[in-house]
Amino acid sequence: MKIVFMGTPDFAVPVLEALSKEHEVVCVYTRAPKEAGRGQKESKTPVHQLAEELGIEVRTPKSLRNAEEQEKFRALGADVAVVAAYGLILPKEVLEAYPRGCINVHASMLPRWRGAAPIQRAILAGDAVSGVTIMQMDEGLDTGDILMEDKCPVPLTNITGGELHDRLSEHGAEMIVEYLRNPRAYPPRRQGEMTTPYAAKLEKSEAKIDFNEPADVVVRKIRAFNPFPGAYFEFNGERFKVLAADFEMTVSNNEPGWLEDSADGKIMAIACGKGFIMPTIIQRQGKKPMEIGEFLRGFSFPGRTVLK
């Protein structure tokens, strides 16, 4: 089968890799390179880098809304376009350019968590499970017919955003390959009504920890935002990322943000609106991540510290 692949971040890499082993990927569409780092060097997307390694033509249009780009897309003569976290809106002319249209690999069990950040939103909401949907794209936002759907085999109880990202990425790659082997085995079905809010794009401002929230909610944020953007608190103008933490929901008389070290210097507890959290991995600004014992050997907070 002739395929055009459209994707940008790390999530899309296993999908492209899997497709290239079974099909003819005639072209890859991805976001344009950006300047990054101190030297402002051109940084190509993960999908761009893989496509070049595989010897596949790469295109990076800023938009697909103009007739010229749409004709170039149509002229590739593919059977289908497979989309995984591409990042650009696809107009009707692109969605209908090929016999099998455009098929999306989406990291949630649709209709739950339509939108840009379904992985993190699922963890933040306390969902028990997540999964991948293979969907026929239409002009709506993640509203097309479901072609194939499967739960992630790992519960979300203790998983981080990064770990779930990797598992769903690999699972999605397996699913799209299986679907394309025998599309007739998976008749399309319409989505039901959306049962949760839109999975909005992550904002860095969301990552600041609010200790007025219950401890279990704070720890969900810590897990969801590991590794990006990293849940954090500030002290004396310095940022401290909390990459992992345990929690207890016992009643505390301390005000939210009250910080206390254990006598042996191996545990740090922070009071929350209900219960308290115990960070286990902390990353001080500009430093490497540290286990809490190592961190406390090199840094201590003054007595009676309350984090705001």
Foldseek 3Di string as FASTA:
>chain_A
DEEAEAAFAPLCVLQVVLCVVPYHDQEYEAAAWFQDDPVRDTHGTPNVVVCVVVVHHYDHDPACPDPVNLVVLLVSAGQEYEYEHRPYQDDPSQQPSHVQGYKYKDWFAPPEAFADQSLLVCLLVVHFWGWIWTFRDDNDGPFGWTQDIDIQPDTSPFAASVRSSVSRSNVSSVVVVVCVVPVVVGDTDGGDDYPDDHNYDDDLVVQEAAQQDQPVSSQSSLRSCVPPPFRWFDDPRWIKGQNHKDWDQAADPDDFQFWDADPVQQWIWGHGNGTIIIGQWMATVPGDIDGRSVVSVPDDDDHRDGTD
